[in-house]
């Protein structure tokens, strides 16, 4: 296990390596949650931090969110600089573009 670094030092390094949308130190002062906007950003951080090892506990899946939209989510649970990390990302799954008749109908409504 690596030596435990202060949460300030860990957050500073995190911000130098990535652009998370949220960072929260848990009340136990031994773990933190980090949220990323996309699965790609989470993967990029894992690579940059040297955490993307074969034994890293991760989960990735596609599902529908509470509003019925298709989303992709990923979770990763590394230990980094002595901290237990709960990293996650959720992003919308690309949906096929609107067909021409739907675009025309929506345009009519929008300009009415």
Protein backbone atom coordinates (compact mmCIF):
# COMPACT_ATOMS: atom_id res chain seq x y z
CA UNK A 1 0.00 0.00 0.00
CA UNK A 2 1.23 3.50 -0.76
CA UNK A 3 1.80 6.11 1.92
CA UNK A 4 -1.31 8.11 2.68
CA UNK A 5 -1.21 11.68 1.36
CA UNK A 6 -3.30 14.59 2.60
CA UNK A 7 -6.65 15.09 0.90
CA UNK A 8 -5.43 18.50 -0.31
CA UNK A 9 -2.45 16.92 -2.07
CA UNK A 10 -4.65 14.20 -3.58
CA UNK A 11 -7.20 16.76 -4.81
CA UNK A 12 -4.44 18.95 -6.26
CA UNK A 13 -2.99 16.01 -8.20
CA UNK A 14 -6.46 14.96 -9.32
CA UNK A 15 -7.14 18.43 -10.72
CA UNK A 16 -3.80 18.43 -12.52
CA UNK A 17 -4.62 15.10 -14.18
CA UNK A 18 -8.34 15.47 -14.88
CA UNK A 19 -11.41 17.68 -14.75
CA UNK A 20 -13.90 15.92 -12.48
CA UNK A 21 -17.38 17.39 -12.05
CA UNK A 22 -17.44 16.56 -8.34
CA UNK A 23 -15.11 15.63 -5.48
CA UNK A 24 -16.31 14.75 -2.01
CA UNK A 25 -14.27 13.61 1.00
CA UNK A 26 -16.33 11.20 3.06
CA UNK A 27 -16.77 11.68 6.78
CA UNK A 28 -14.47 8.75 7.55
CA UNK A 29 -11.55 10.84 6.15
CA UNK A 30 -10.27 7.68 4.46
CA UNK A 31 -12.30 7.72 1.25
CA UNK A 32 -13.51 10.14 -1.39
CA UNK A 33 -16.01 10.11 -4.23
CA UNK A 34 -15.02 11.51 -7.61
CA UNK A 35 -17.52 12.09 -10.41
CA UNK A 36 -16.63 12.53 -14.08
CA UNK A 37 -18.87 13.82 -16.89
CA UNK A 38 -18.10 10.94 -19.25
CA UNK A 39 -16.85 7.38 -19.18
CA UNK A 40 -13.94 8.47 -21.42
CA UNK A 41 -12.87 11.10 -18.86
CA UNK A 42 -12.94 8.51 -16.07
CA UNK A 43 -10.85 6.10 -18.18
CA UNK A 44 -8.39 8.89 -19.05
CA UNK A 45 -7.92 9.74 -15.36
CA UNK A 46 -7.40 6.07 -14.46
CA UNK A 47 -4.70 5.84 -17.15
CA UNK A 48 -3.02 9.15 -16.17
CA UNK A 49 -3.00 8.20 -12.49
CA UNK A 50 -1.53 4.77 -13.26
CA UNK A 51 -4.60 3.02 -11.86
CA UNK A 52 -5.92 1.18 -14.90
CA UNK A 53 -4.54 -2.21 -13.89
CA UNK A 54 -6.15 -5.57 -14.78
CA UNK A 55 -7.08 -6.19 -11.14
CA UNK A 56 -8.86 -2.83 -10.72
CA UNK A 57 -12.45 -3.31 -9.61
CA UNK A 58 -14.63 -1.64 -12.25
CA UNK A 59 -18.15 -1.97 -13.59
CA UNK A 60 -19.60 -0.63 -16.81
CA UNK A 61 -23.12 -0.98 -18.15
CA UNK A 62 -25.81 0.56 -20.30
CA UNK A 63 -29.22 1.18 -18.76
CA UNK A 64 -32.04 3.69 -18.73
CA UNK A 65 -32.01 6.52 -16.22
CA UNK A 66 -34.93 7.62 -14.03
CA UNK A 67 -36.30 9.68 -16.93
CA UNK A 68 -36.22 6.77 -19.37
CA UNK A 69 -33.17 7.93 -21.34
CA UNK A 70 -30.45 5.46 -22.37
CA UNK A 71 -27.20 6.06 -20.47
CA UNK A 72 -23.82 4.39 -20.06
CA UNK A 73 -22.25 4.33 -16.62
CA UNK A 74 -18.91 3.24 -15.23
CA UNK A 75 -17.66 2.82 -11.69
CA UNK A 76 -14.10 2.27 -10.49
CA UNK A 77 -12.88 1.55 -6.97
CA UNK A 78 -9.10 2.03 -6.75
CA UNK A 79 -6.94 2.86 -3.76
CA UNK A 80 -4.90 5.94 -4.63
CA UNK A 81 -2.28 7.55 -2.40
CA UNK A 82 -3.75 5.68 0.57
CA UNK A 83 -7.35 6.79 -0.10
CA UNK A 84 -10.25 4.54 -1.07
CA UNK A 85 -11.70 6.07 -4.21
CA UNK A 86 -15.27 5.71 -5.47
CA UNK A 87 -15.13 7.07 -9.02
CA UNK A 88 -18.13 7.19 -11.33
CA UNK A 89 -19.32 8.59 -14.64
CA UNK A 90 -22.69 8.55 -16.37
CA UNK A 91 -23.31 9.79 -19.89
CA UNK A 92 -26.12 9.77 -22.40
CA UNK A 93 -25.89 7.08 -25.04
CA UNK A 94 -25.98 8.39 -28.56
CA UNK A 95 -29.43 8.03 -29.98
CA UNK A 96 -30.15 8.04 -33.66
CA UNK A 97 -30.82 11.50 -35.08
CA UNK A 98 -34.32 12.66 -35.78
CA UNK A 99 -35.73 11.76 -39.15
CA UNK A 100 -36.63 14.54 -41.60
CA UNK A 101 -40.39 14.41 -40.97
CA UNK A 102 -39.90 14.71 -37.20
CA UNK A 103 -37.53 17.66 -37.70
CA UNK A 104 -40.10 19.36 -39.93
CA UNK A 105 -42.92 18.79 -37.42
CA UNK A 106 -40.81 20.09 -34.51
CA UNK A 107 -39.75 23.11 -36.57
CA UNK A 108 -43.42 23.92 -37.24
CA UNK A 109 -44.17 23.78 -33.51
CA UNK A 110 -41.10 25.82 -32.58
CA UNK A 111 -41.90 28.69 -34.94
CA UNK A 112 -45.63 28.76 -34.25
